[in-house]
Amino acid sequence: MTDTLPDAALDQLFRTARTYNGFSGEISDETLHQLYELLKFAPTSANASPARFVFVKSAEGKARLGAALSEGNYDKTMSAPVTVIVAHDEDFHEKLPFLFPHTDAKSWFDGPRENREVPAFRNGTLQGAYLIMAARALGLDTGPMSGFDNAKVDEAFFAGTSIKSNFLVNLGKGDPATIFPRSPRLPFDEAARIV
């Protein structure tokens, strides 16, 4: 991996990609499988891969999700072809014998569930970011957001499990009329340093 991506790819992934507030179009189940097949290869600690994704497409699923949304996120989420619930499994370590077979990584996380909350959240969040980048790579527009009641989402989609919701991502063809002018970003010297 020594070649820089062409400018068009860097634009699509970063420089001209935007967070949309309105969506249209349709997304096939095949595209959602492609999306997962890309994001699953991105790194997590000990390959733990704690993220769990619910691709909400159906009217019934949207209704269940809608009950947990803040007012400002309701219309854009209901109109999006797909809304992804990005969640994480706090018992992710049970899969480590398969995911990280060359050592006993499961034992690193055995014990009370609260000892796994931080690594599950951190790595699940990373995987949610990878989902956004994979969606952009496939030509989908995204609208990541909070602004919902996590407890209601967890009850509606993950009751009785060790899975907790983190954030939502609307997917589809973004409507350019629904975005604001790009907000500023911090310059290197304010956000980073080289030591």
N, C-alpha and C. Protein backbone atom coordinates (compact mmCIF):
# COMPACT_ATOMS: atom_id res chain seq x y z
N MET A 1 0.84 -1.18 0.00
CA MET A 1 0.00 0.00 0.00
C MET A 1 0.88 1.24 0.00
N THR A 2 1.36 1.59 -1.16
CA THR A 2 2.27 2.73 -1.24
C THR A 2 1.74 3.85 -2.10
N ASP A 3 0.64 3.62 -2.81
CA ASP A 3 0.12 4.64 -3.71
C ASP A 3 -0.96 5.47 -3.03
N THR A 4 -0.88 6.77 -3.18
CA THR A 4 -1.93 7.65 -2.70
C THR A 4 -3.15 7.50 -3.61
N LEU A 5 -4.33 7.51 -3.04
CA LEU A 5 -5.54 7.47 -3.85
C LEU A 5 -5.62 8.70 -4.73
N PRO A 6 -6.26 8.58 -5.88
CA PRO A 6 -6.42 9.77 -6.73
C PRO A 6 -7.30 10.82 -6.05
N ASP A 7 -7.14 12.06 -6.48
CA ASP A 7 -7.90 13.16 -5.87
C ASP A 7 -9.40 12.92 -5.88
N ALA A 8 -9.92 12.33 -6.94
CA ALA A 8 -11.36 12.09 -7.00
C ALA A 8 -11.81 11.18 -5.86
N ALA A 9 -11.02 10.17 -5.54
CA ALA A 9 -11.36 9.27 -4.44
C ALA A 9 -11.24 9.99 -3.10
N LEU A 10 -10.19 10.79 -2.92
CA LEU A 10 -10.03 11.54 -1.68
C LEU A 10 -11.17 12.54 -1.50
N ASP A 11 -11.61 13.15 -2.60
CA ASP A 11 -12.76 14.05 -2.52
C ASP A 11 -14.01 13.29 -2.07
N GLN A 12 -14.26 12.14 -2.69
CA GLN A 12 -15.46 11.36 -2.38
C GLN A 12 -15.48 10.89 -0.94
N LEU A 13 -14.33 10.55 -0.42
CA LEU A 13 -14.26 10.05 0.95
C LEU A 13 -14.19 11.15 1.99
N PHE A 14 -13.52 12.28 1.66
CA PHE A 14 -13.25 13.29 2.67
C PHE A 14 -13.61 14.71 2.26
N ARG A 15 -12.95 15.24 1.23
CA ARG A 15 -12.95 16.68 0.99
C ARG A 15 -14.29 17.24 0.55
N THR A 16 -15.02 16.53 -0.28
CA THR A 16 -16.32 17.05 -0.72
C THR A 16 -17.48 16.27 -0.13
N ALA A 17 -17.20 15.19 0.60
CA ALA A 17 -18.27 14.42 1.25
C ALA A 17 -18.91 15.29 2.33
N ARG A 18 -20.21 15.15 2.47
CA ARG A 18 -20.95 15.98 3.42
C ARG A 18 -21.91 15.13 4.24
N THR A 19 -22.38 15.69 5.34
CA THR A 19 -23.44 15.08 6.14
C THR A 19 -24.76 15.65 5.64
N TYR A 20 -25.62 14.78 5.15
CA TYR A 20 -26.89 15.20 4.56
C TYR A 20 -28.02 15.09 5.57
N ASN A 21 -29.04 15.95 5.37
CA ASN A 21 -30.22 15.97 6.22
C ASN A 21 -31.47 15.53 5.49
N GLY A 22 -31.34 15.15 4.23
CA GLY A 22 -32.46 14.65 3.45
C GLY A 22 -31.95 13.65 2.44
N PHE A 23 -32.74 12.61 2.21
CA PHE A 23 -32.29 11.50 1.38
C PHE A 23 -33.42 11.01 0.49
N SER A 24 -33.01 10.36 -0.60
CA SER A 24 -33.95 9.68 -1.48
C SER A 24 -33.27 8.44 -2.01
N GLY A 25 -33.95 7.76 -2.92
CA GLY A 25 -33.37 6.59 -3.56
C GLY A 25 -33.72 5.30 -2.84
N GLU A 26 -33.13 4.24 -3.33
CA GLU A 26 -33.28 2.92 -2.73
C GLU A 26 -31.91 2.29 -2.57
N ILE A 27 -31.78 1.44 -1.59
CA ILE A 27 -30.53 0.72 -1.35
C ILE A 27 -30.87 -0.76 -1.25
N SER A 28 -30.24 -1.54 -2.11
CA SER A 28 -30.53 -2.98 -2.12
C SER A 28 -29.86 -3.67 -0.93
N ASP A 29 -30.40 -4.83 -0.59
CA ASP A 29 -29.77 -5.65 0.44
C ASP A 29 -28.36 -6.04 0.01
N GLU A 30 -28.17 -6.26 -1.29
CA GLU A 30 -26.84 -6.61 -1.81
C GLU A 30 -25.84 -5.49 -1.51
N THR A 31 -26.26 -4.24 -1.67
CA THR A 31 -25.37 -3.11 -1.37
C THR A 31 -25.03 -3.06 0.11
N LEU A 32 -26.00 -3.38 0.97
CA LEU A 32 -25.73 -3.39 2.41
C LEU A 32 -24.74 -4.50 2.77
N HIS A 33 -24.85 -5.62 2.09
CA HIS A 33 -23.86 -6.69 2.29
C HIS A 33 -22.48 -6.24 1.83
N GLN A 34 -22.41 -5.56 0.68
CA GLN A 34 -21.13 -5.03 0.19
C GLN A 34 -20.53 -4.05 1.20
N LEU A 35 -21.38 -3.21 1.75
CA LEU A 35 -20.95 -2.23 2.74
C LEU A 35 -20.31 -2.92 3.93
N TYR A 36 -20.97 -3.93 4.46
CA TYR A 36 -20.40 -4.65 5.59
C TYR A 36 -19.11 -5.38 5.20
N GLU A 37 -19.09 -5.96 4.02
CA GLU A 37 -17.90 -6.69 3.58
C GLU A 37 -16.68 -5.78 3.48
N LEU A 38 -16.88 -4.49 3.23
CA LEU A 38 -15.77 -3.53 3.25
C LEU A 38 -15.37 -3.16 4.67
N LEU A 39 -16.32 -2.74 5.46
CA LEU A 39 -15.98 -2.18 6.77
C LEU A 39 -15.42 -3.22 7.71
N LYS A 40 -15.76 -4.50 7.52
CA LYS A 40 -15.32 -5.52 8.48
C LYS A 40 -13.81 -5.72 8.50
N PHE A 41 -13.12 -5.28 7.44
CA PHE A 41 -11.68 -5.48 7.38
C PHE A 41 -10.89 -4.37 8.08
N ALA A 42 -11.52 -3.30 8.49
CA ALA A 42 -10.82 -2.20 9.15
C ALA A 42 -10.45 -2.62 10.58
N PRO A 43 -9.39 -2.04 11.14
CA PRO A 43 -8.84 -2.54 12.41
C PRO A 43 -9.65 -2.19 13.64
N THR A 44 -9.64 -3.14 14.58
CA THR A 44 -10.11 -2.93 15.95
C THR A 44 -9.10 -3.61 16.88
N SER A 45 -9.11 -3.23 18.14
CA SER A 45 -8.19 -3.83 19.11
C SER A 45 -8.42 -5.33 19.19
N ALA A 46 -7.34 -6.10 19.04
CA ALA A 46 -7.40 -7.56 19.09
C ALA A 46 -8.45 -8.12 18.13
N ASN A 47 -8.71 -7.39 17.05
CA ASN A 47 -9.72 -7.80 16.07
C ASN A 47 -11.07 -8.09 16.74
N ALA A 48 -11.35 -7.38 17.83
CA ALA A 48 -12.52 -7.67 18.64
C ALA A 48 -13.84 -7.46 17.91
N SER A 49 -13.88 -6.50 17.01
CA SER A 49 -15.06 -6.27 16.16
C SER A 49 -16.37 -6.26 16.96
N PRO A 50 -16.49 -5.38 17.97
CA PRO A 50 -17.69 -5.41 18.81
C PRO A 50 -18.91 -4.75 18.19
N ALA A 51 -18.75 -4.04 17.08
CA ALA A 51 -19.91 -3.35 16.50
C ALA A 51 -20.95 -4.34 16.01
N ARG A 52 -22.18 -3.95 16.16
CA ARG A 52 -23.31 -4.68 15.61
C ARG A 52 -24.15 -3.65 14.87
N PHE A 53 -24.62 -4.01 13.69
CA PHE A 53 -25.32 -3.07 12.82
C PHE A 53 -26.72 -3.58 12.53
N VAL A 54 -27.69 -2.70 12.70
CA VAL A 54 -29.06 -3.01 12.30
C VAL A 54 -29.40 -2.05 11.17
N PHE A 55 -29.65 -2.61 9.98
CA PHE A 55 -30.01 -1.82 8.81
C PHE A 55 -31.53 -1.73 8.77
N VAL A 56 -32.07 -0.60 9.16
CA VAL A 56 -33.51 -0.43 9.28
C VAL A 56 -34.05 0.08 7.95
N LYS A 57 -34.83 -0.76 7.27
CA LYS A 57 -35.39 -0.43 5.96
C LYS A 57 -36.92 -0.49 5.95
N SER A 58 -37.48 -1.42 6.67
CA SER A 58 -38.91 -1.69 6.58
C SER A 58 -39.73 -0.61 7.28
N ALA A 59 -40.99 -0.51 6.90
CA ALA A 59 -41.90 0.43 7.56
C ALA A 59 -42.04 0.09 9.03
N GLU A 60 -42.11 -1.19 9.34
CA GLU A 60 -42.24 -1.63 10.74
C GLU A 60 -40.99 -1.25 11.54
N GLY A 61 -39.81 -1.46 10.95
CA GLY A 61 -38.58 -1.09 11.63
C GLY A 61 -38.47 0.41 11.82
N LYS A 62 -38.84 1.16 10.78
CA LYS A 62 -38.80 2.63 10.88
C LYS A 62 -39.75 3.12 11.98
N ALA A 63 -40.92 2.50 12.10
CA ALA A 63 -41.87 2.91 13.14
C ALA A 63 -41.29 2.66 14.52
N ARG A 64 -40.64 1.51 14.71
CA ARG A 64 -40.02 1.22 16.00
C ARG A 64 -38.92 2.23 16.31
N LEU A 65 -38.12 2.56 15.30
CA LEU A 65 -37.04 3.52 15.48
C LEU A 65 -37.59 4.93 15.69
N GLY A 66 -38.62 5.27 14.96
CA GLY A 66 -39.19 6.62 15.03
C GLY A 66 -39.62 7.02 16.42
N ALA A 67 -40.08 6.05 17.20
CA ALA A 67 -40.54 6.35 18.56
C ALA A 67 -39.40 6.82 19.46
N ALA A 68 -38.16 6.60 19.05
CA ALA A 68 -37.01 6.98 19.88
C ALA A 68 -36.31 8.24 19.39
N LEU A 69 -36.74 8.77 18.25
CA LEU A 69 -36.03 9.90 17.63
C LEU A 69 -36.42 11.24 18.24
N SER A 70 -35.46 12.16 18.30
CA SER A 70 -35.80 13.54 18.65
C SER A 70 -36.58 14.15 17.49
N GLU A 71 -37.32 15.17 17.78
CA GLU A 71 -38.17 15.80 16.77
C GLU A 71 -37.37 16.25 15.54
N GLY A 72 -36.18 16.81 15.76
CA GLY A 72 -35.38 17.32 14.67
C GLY A 72 -34.80 16.24 13.76
N ASN A 73 -34.77 15.02 14.22
CA ASN A 73 -34.22 13.92 13.42
C ASN A 73 -35.29 13.02 12.81
N TYR A 74 -36.55 13.28 13.13
CA TYR A 74 -37.60 12.36 12.73
C TYR A 74 -37.80 12.32 11.21
N ASP A 75 -38.06 13.46 10.59
CA ASP A 75 -38.41 13.48 9.17
C ASP A 75 -37.28 12.96 8.30
N LYS A 76 -36.05 13.38 8.57
CA LYS A 76 -34.94 12.94 7.72
C LYS A 76 -34.68 11.44 7.87
N THR A 77 -34.94 10.92 9.05
CA THR A 77 -34.72 9.49 9.27
C THR A 77 -35.83 8.67 8.62
N MET A 78 -37.05 9.14 8.72
CA MET A 78 -38.15 8.42 8.11
C MET A 78 -38.06 8.42 6.58
N SER A 79 -37.46 9.46 6.01
CA SER A 79 -37.36 9.53 4.55
C SER A 79 -36.12 8.84 4.00
N ALA A 80 -35.16 8.53 4.84
CA ALA A 80 -33.93 7.88 4.37
C ALA A 80 -34.25 6.44 3.94
N PRO A 81 -33.67 5.99 2.85
CA PRO A 81 -33.90 4.60 2.44
C PRO A 81 -33.49 3.58 3.49
N VAL A 82 -32.40 3.87 4.20
CA VAL A 82 -31.90 2.98 5.25
C VAL A 82 -31.36 3.84 6.38
N THR A 83 -31.64 3.43 7.60
CA THR A 83 -30.99 4.00 8.77
C THR A 83 -30.26 2.88 9.48
N VAL A 84 -28.99 3.09 9.74
CA VAL A 84 -28.18 2.08 10.42
C VAL A 84 -28.10 2.42 11.90
N ILE A 85 -28.48 1.46 12.72
CA ILE A 85 -28.21 1.58 14.15
C ILE A 85 -26.82 1.00 14.36
N VAL A 86 -25.89 1.87 14.74
CA VAL A 86 -24.53 1.43 15.05
C VAL A 86 -24.51 1.14 16.55
N ALA A 87 -24.26 -0.10 16.89
CA ALA A 87 -24.29 -0.54 18.28
C ALA A 87 -23.01 -1.32 18.57
N HIS A 88 -22.87 -1.73 19.82
CA HIS A 88 -21.71 -2.54 20.20
C HIS A 88 -22.14 -3.58 21.22
N ASP A 89 -21.51 -4.73 21.13
CA ASP A 89 -21.81 -5.84 22.03
C ASP A 89 -20.84 -5.80 23.19
N GLU A 90 -21.36 -5.60 24.39
CA GLU A 90 -20.49 -5.54 25.57
C GLU A 90 -19.97 -6.92 25.97
N ASP A 91 -20.47 -7.97 25.35
CA ASP A 91 -19.92 -9.31 25.53
C ASP A 91 -19.18 -9.77 24.27
N PHE A 92 -18.56 -8.81 23.60
CA PHE A 92 -17.81 -9.08 22.36
C PHE A 92 -16.73 -10.15 22.56
N HIS A 93 -16.21 -10.25 23.78
CA HIS A 93 -15.09 -11.16 24.05
C HIS A 93 -15.43 -12.62 23.80
N GLU A 94 -16.73 -12.95 23.79
CA GLU A 94 -17.14 -14.33 23.53
C GLU A 94 -16.76 -14.78 22.12
N LYS A 95 -16.60 -13.83 21.20
CA LYS A 95 -16.23 -14.14 19.81
C LYS A 95 -14.72 -14.16 19.59
N LEU A 96 -13.94 -13.78 20.59
CA LEU A 96 -12.49 -13.67 20.39
C LEU A 96 -11.78 -15.00 20.08
N PRO A 97 -12.23 -16.14 20.60
CA PRO A 97 -11.57 -17.38 20.18
C PRO A 97 -11.61 -17.58 18.65
N PHE A 98 -12.66 -17.10 18.01
CA PHE A 98 -12.75 -17.15 16.54
C PHE A 98 -12.00 -16.00 15.90
N LEU A 99 -12.18 -14.78 16.42
CA LEU A 99 -11.64 -13.58 15.78
C LEU A 99 -10.15 -13.36 16.03
N PHE A 100 -9.63 -13.87 17.14
CA PHE A 100 -8.22 -13.65 17.51
C PHE A 100 -7.67 -14.97 18.04
N PRO A 101 -7.57 -15.98 17.17
CA PRO A 101 -7.32 -17.35 17.63
C PRO A 101 -5.90 -17.65 18.07
N HIS A 102 -4.95 -16.79 17.82
CA HIS A 102 -3.56 -17.14 18.10
C HIS A 102 -3.16 -16.93 19.56
N THR A 103 -4.07 -16.43 20.38
CA THR A 103 -3.82 -16.32 21.82
C THR A 103 -5.16 -16.30 22.55
N ASP A 104 -5.13 -16.45 23.84
CA ASP A 104 -6.36 -16.47 24.64
C ASP A 104 -6.80 -15.05 24.99
N ALA A 105 -7.22 -14.31 23.99
CA ALA A 105 -7.64 -12.92 24.21
C ALA A 105 -8.95 -12.83 24.99
N LYS A 106 -9.77 -13.84 24.92
CA LYS A 106 -11.03 -13.82 25.66
C LYS A 106 -10.78 -13.60 27.15
N SER A 107 -9.73 -14.23 27.68
CA SER A 107 -9.45 -14.11 29.12
C SER A 107 -9.08 -12.68 29.52
N TRP A 108 -8.63 -11.87 28.56
CA TRP A 108 -8.30 -10.48 28.87
C TRP A 108 -9.54 -9.69 29.30
N PHE A 109 -10.70 -10.15 28.85
CA PHE A 109 -11.93 -9.39 29.06
C PHE A 109 -12.96 -10.14 29.91
N ASP A 110 -12.61 -11.33 30.39
CA ASP A 110 -13.53 -12.05 31.27
C ASP A 110 -13.78 -11.24 32.53
N GLY A 111 -14.89 -11.50 33.17
CA GLY A 111 -15.23 -10.80 34.40
C GLY A 111 -16.43 -9.89 34.20
N PRO A 112 -16.60 -8.94 35.11
CA PRO A 112 -17.79 -8.08 35.05
C PRO A 112 -17.89 -7.32 33.72
N ARG A 113 -19.12 -7.20 33.24
CA ARG A 113 -19.38 -6.55 31.96
C ARG A 113 -18.88 -5.10 31.94
N GLU A 114 -18.96 -4.41 33.07
CA GLU A 114 -18.53 -3.00 33.08
C GLU A 114 -17.05 -2.86 32.71
N ASN A 115 -16.25 -3.92 32.87
CA ASN A 115 -14.85 -3.87 32.46
C ASN A 115 -14.68 -3.90 30.95
N ARG A 116 -15.75 -4.24 30.23
CA ARG A 116 -15.69 -4.30 28.77
C ARG A 116 -16.37 -3.11 28.11
N GLU A 117 -17.03 -2.25 28.89
CA GLU A 117 -17.79 -1.14 28.31
C GLU A 117 -16.91 -0.22 27.47
N VAL A 118 -15.77 0.18 27.98
CA VAL A 118 -14.91 1.14 27.26
C VAL A 118 -14.36 0.53 25.97
N PRO A 119 -13.74 -0.66 26.00
CA PRO A 119 -13.26 -1.20 24.72
C PRO A 119 -14.37 -1.50 23.73
N ALA A 120 -15.53 -1.91 24.22
CA ALA A 120 -16.66 -2.18 23.31
C ALA A 120 -17.11 -0.88 22.65
N PHE A 121 -17.27 0.17 23.45
CA PHE A 121 -17.70 1.46 22.92
C PHE A 121 -16.67 2.05 21.97
N ARG A 122 -15.40 2.04 22.37
CA ARG A 122 -14.33 2.63 21.55
C ARG A 122 -14.23 1.93 20.19
N ASN A 123 -14.12 0.63 20.21
CA ASN A 123 -13.94 -0.10 18.96
C ASN A 123 -15.21 -0.14 18.13
N GLY A 124 -16.36 -0.17 18.77
CA GLY A 124 -17.62 -0.10 18.04
C GLY A 124 -17.79 1.25 17.35
N THR A 125 -17.34 2.31 18.02
CA THR A 125 -17.38 3.64 17.41
C THR A 125 -16.46 3.71 16.20
N LEU A 126 -15.27 3.14 16.33
CA LEU A 126 -14.37 3.07 15.17
C LEU A 126 -15.07 2.38 14.00
N GLN A 127 -15.73 1.27 14.28
CA GLN A 127 -16.39 0.54 13.21
C GLN A 127 -17.54 1.34 12.61
N GLY A 128 -18.20 2.17 13.41
CA GLY A 128 -19.23 3.05 12.87
C GLY A 128 -18.64 4.07 11.91
N ALA A 129 -17.45 4.58 12.24
CA ALA A 129 -16.76 5.51 11.33
C ALA A 129 -16.35 4.79 10.06
N TYR A 130 -15.90 3.54 10.20
CA TYR A 130 -15.56 2.77 9.00
C TYR A 130 -16.79 2.57 8.12
N LEU A 131 -17.94 2.37 8.74
CA LEU A 131 -19.18 2.23 7.98
C LEU A 131 -19.44 3.47 7.13
N ILE A 132 -19.24 4.64 7.71
CA ILE A 132 -19.44 5.89 6.96
C ILE A 132 -18.50 5.95 5.77
N MET A 133 -17.23 5.63 5.99
CA MET A 133 -16.27 5.69 4.89
C MET A 133 -16.56 4.63 3.83
N ALA A 134 -16.96 3.44 4.24
CA ALA A 134 -17.30 2.39 3.28
C ALA A 134 -18.53 2.79 2.47
N ALA A 135 -19.51 3.41 3.13
CA ALA A 135 -20.70 3.87 2.41
C ALA A 135 -20.31 4.92 1.37
N ARG A 136 -19.48 5.87 1.75
CA ARG A 136 -19.02 6.87 0.79
C ARG A 136 -18.26 6.22 -0.37
N ALA A 137 -17.45 5.23 -0.07
CA ALA A 137 -16.68 4.54 -1.11
C ALA A 137 -17.61 3.85 -2.11
N LEU A 138 -18.79 3.43 -1.65
CA LEU A 138 -19.77 2.78 -2.52
C LEU A 138 -20.71 3.76 -3.19
N GLY A 139 -20.47 5.06 -2.99
CA GLY A 139 -21.29 6.08 -3.64
C GLY A 139 -22.55 6.46 -2.88
N LEU A 140 -22.65 6.06 -1.62
CA LEU A 140 -23.80 6.44 -0.80
C LEU A 140 -23.47 7.70 -0.02
N ASP A 141 -24.49 8.50 0.22
CA ASP A 141 -24.34 9.65 1.10
C ASP A 141 -24.77 9.23 2.50
N THR A 142 -24.25 9.94 3.50
CA THR A 142 -24.48 9.56 4.89
C THR A 142 -24.95 10.75 5.71
N GLY A 143 -25.62 10.42 6.79
CA GLY A 143 -26.04 11.41 7.77
C GLY A 143 -25.95 10.83 9.16
N PRO A 144 -24.72 10.79 9.73
CA PRO A 144 -24.58 10.27 11.09
C PRO A 144 -25.18 11.23 12.11
N MET A 145 -25.72 10.68 13.19
CA MET A 145 -26.37 11.55 14.18
C MET A 145 -26.54 10.84 15.51
N SER A 146 -26.65 11.67 16.53
CA SER A 146 -27.19 11.23 17.81
C SER A 146 -28.61 11.78 17.82
N GLY A 147 -29.07 12.35 18.90
CA GLY A 147 -30.41 12.93 18.88
C GLY A 147 -31.51 11.87 18.87
N PHE A 148 -31.34 10.86 19.72
CA PHE A 148 -32.37 9.84 19.90
C PHE A 148 -32.20 9.27 21.31
N ASP A 149 -33.19 8.55 21.75
CA ASP A 149 -33.19 7.96 23.09
C ASP A 149 -32.58 6.57 22.99
N ASN A 150 -31.34 6.45 23.45
CA ASN A 150 -30.64 5.15 23.36
C ASN A 150 -31.40 4.05 24.09
N ALA A 151 -31.95 4.37 25.25
CA ALA A 151 -32.66 3.34 26.02
C ALA A 151 -33.86 2.81 25.24
N LYS A 152 -34.57 3.69 24.54
CA LYS A 152 -35.72 3.24 23.74
C LYS A 152 -35.27 2.39 22.56
N VAL A 153 -34.18 2.79 21.92
CA VAL A 153 -33.65 1.98 20.81
C VAL A 153 -33.20 0.62 21.32
N ASP A 154 -32.52 0.61 22.45
CA ASP A 154 -32.05 -0.67 23.00
C ASP A 154 -33.22 -1.58 23.35
N GLU A 155 -34.27 -1.01 23.90
CA GLU A 155 -35.45 -1.81 24.24
C GLU A 155 -36.14 -2.33 22.98
N ALA A 156 -36.22 -1.49 21.96
CA ALA A 156 -36.93 -1.88 20.73
C ALA A 156 -36.15 -2.87 19.88
N PHE A 157 -34.81 -2.81 19.90
CA PHE A 157 -34.02 -3.63 18.98
C PHE A 157 -33.07 -4.62 19.67
N PHE A 158 -32.74 -4.40 20.93
CA PHE A 158 -31.72 -5.24 21.58
C PHE A 158 -32.14 -5.76 22.95
N ALA A 159 -33.42 -5.78 23.24
CA ALA A 159 -33.89 -6.20 24.57
C ALA A 159 -33.37 -7.60 24.90
N GLY A 160 -32.89 -7.75 26.13
CA GLY A 160 -32.42 -9.05 26.60
C GLY A 160 -31.05 -9.45 26.09
N THR A 161 -30.32 -8.51 25.47
CA THR A 161 -28.99 -8.82 24.95
C THR A 161 -27.95 -7.94 25.64
N SER A 162 -26.71 -8.16 25.29
CA SER A 162 -25.60 -7.35 25.79
C SER A 162 -25.22 -6.25 24.80
N ILE A 163 -26.12 -5.96 23.85
CA ILE A 163 -25.85 -4.98 22.80
C ILE A 163 -26.45 -3.63 23.18
N LYS A 164 -25.67 -2.56 22.98
CA LYS A 164 -26.08 -1.20 23.30
C LYS A 164 -25.93 -0.31 22.06
N SER A 165 -26.91 0.52 21.81
CA SER A 165 -26.83 1.45 20.67
C SER A 165 -25.84 2.56 20.96
N ASN A 166 -25.24 3.10 19.90
CA ASN A 166 -24.28 4.18 20.01
C ASN A 166 -24.79 5.39 19.22
N PHE A 167 -24.85 5.27 17.88
CA PHE A 167 -25.36 6.37 17.07
C PHE A 167 -26.06 5.81 15.84
N LEU A 168 -26.68 6.69 15.07
CA LEU A 168 -27.42 6.31 13.87
C LEU A 168 -26.75 6.91 12.66
N VAL A 169 -26.92 6.25 11.51
CA VAL A 169 -26.41 6.77 10.25
C VAL A 169 -27.50 6.59 9.19
N ASN A 170 -28.01 7.69 8.67
CA ASN A 170 -28.93 7.60 7.53
C ASN A 170 -28.11 7.40 6.27
N LEU A 171 -28.63 6.57 5.37
CA LEU A 171 -27.97 6.28 4.10
C LEU A 171 -28.92 6.52 2.95
N GLY A 172 -28.38 6.98 1.83
CA GLY A 172 -29.18 7.16 0.62
C GLY A 172 -28.50 8.12 -0.33
N LYS A 173 -29.29 8.66 -1.22
CA LYS A 173 -28.82 9.72 -2.11
C LYS A 173 -29.13 11.04 -1.42
N GLY A 174 -28.09 11.75 -1.02
CA GLY A 174 -28.28 12.99 -0.27
C GLY A 174 -28.85 14.10 -1.11
N ASP A 175 -29.75 14.87 -0.53
CA ASP A 175 -30.33 16.03 -1.19
C ASP A 175 -29.46 17.25 -0.89
N PRO A 176 -28.79 17.81 -1.92
CA PRO A 176 -27.89 18.95 -1.69
C PRO A 176 -28.59 20.16 -1.05
N ALA A 177 -29.89 20.27 -1.22
CA ALA A 177 -30.63 21.40 -0.63
C ALA A 177 -30.71 21.30 0.89
N THR A 178 -30.36 20.13 1.45
CA THR A 178 -30.49 19.94 2.90
C THR A 178 -29.19 20.13 3.67
N ILE A 179 -28.14 20.56 2.99
CA ILE A 179 -26.89 20.76 3.71
C ILE A 179 -26.61 22.24 3.88
N PHE A 180 -25.86 22.55 4.90
CA PHE A 180 -25.43 23.90 5.18
C PHE A 180 -24.10 24.13 4.49
N PRO A 181 -23.69 25.40 4.34
CA PRO A 181 -22.31 25.62 3.86
C PRO A 181 -21.34 24.89 4.79
N ARG A 182 -20.24 24.40 4.23
CA ARG A 182 -19.31 23.63 5.04
C ARG A 182 -18.78 24.47 6.19
N SER A 183 -18.83 23.91 7.37
CA SER A 183 -18.31 24.58 8.56
C SER A 183 -16.78 24.50 8.56
N PRO A 184 -16.14 25.44 9.26
CA PRO A 184 -14.68 25.42 9.30
C PRO A 184 -14.16 24.20 10.03
N ARG A 185 -12.89 23.91 9.80
CA ARG A 185 -12.18 22.87 10.53
C ARG A 185 -10.95 23.52 11.17
N LEU A 186 -10.50 22.96 12.27
CA LEU A 186 -9.32 23.51 12.92
C LEU A 186 -8.09 23.31 12.05
N PRO A 187 -7.19 24.28 12.03
CA PRO A 187 -5.93 24.09 11.30
C PRO A 187 -5.04 23.10 12.07
N PHE A 188 -4.08 22.57 11.36
CA PHE A 188 -3.17 21.57 11.92
C PHE A 188 -2.61 22.01 13.27
N ASP A 189 -2.11 23.25 13.33
CA ASP A 189 -1.42 23.70 14.54
C ASP A 189 -2.31 23.82 15.76
N GLU A 190 -3.62 23.88 15.55
CA GLU A 190 -4.54 23.91 16.69
C GLU A 190 -5.03 22.53 17.10
N ALA A 191 -4.96 21.58 16.19
CA ALA A 191 -5.52 20.27 16.47
C ALA A 191 -4.47 19.17 16.58
N ALA A 192 -3.26 19.47 16.15
CA ALA A 192 -2.24 18.41 16.10
C ALA A 192 -0.87 18.97 16.38
N ARG A 193 0.05 18.08 16.70
CA ARG A 193 1.45 18.46 16.84
C ARG A 193 2.32 17.27 16.50
N ILE A 194 3.50 17.54 16.11
CA ILE A 194 4.48 16.51 15.80
C ILE A 194 5.57 16.58 16.87
N VAL A 195 5.83 15.49 17.52
CA VAL A 195 6.84 15.49 18.60
C VAL A 195 7.96 14.53 18.28
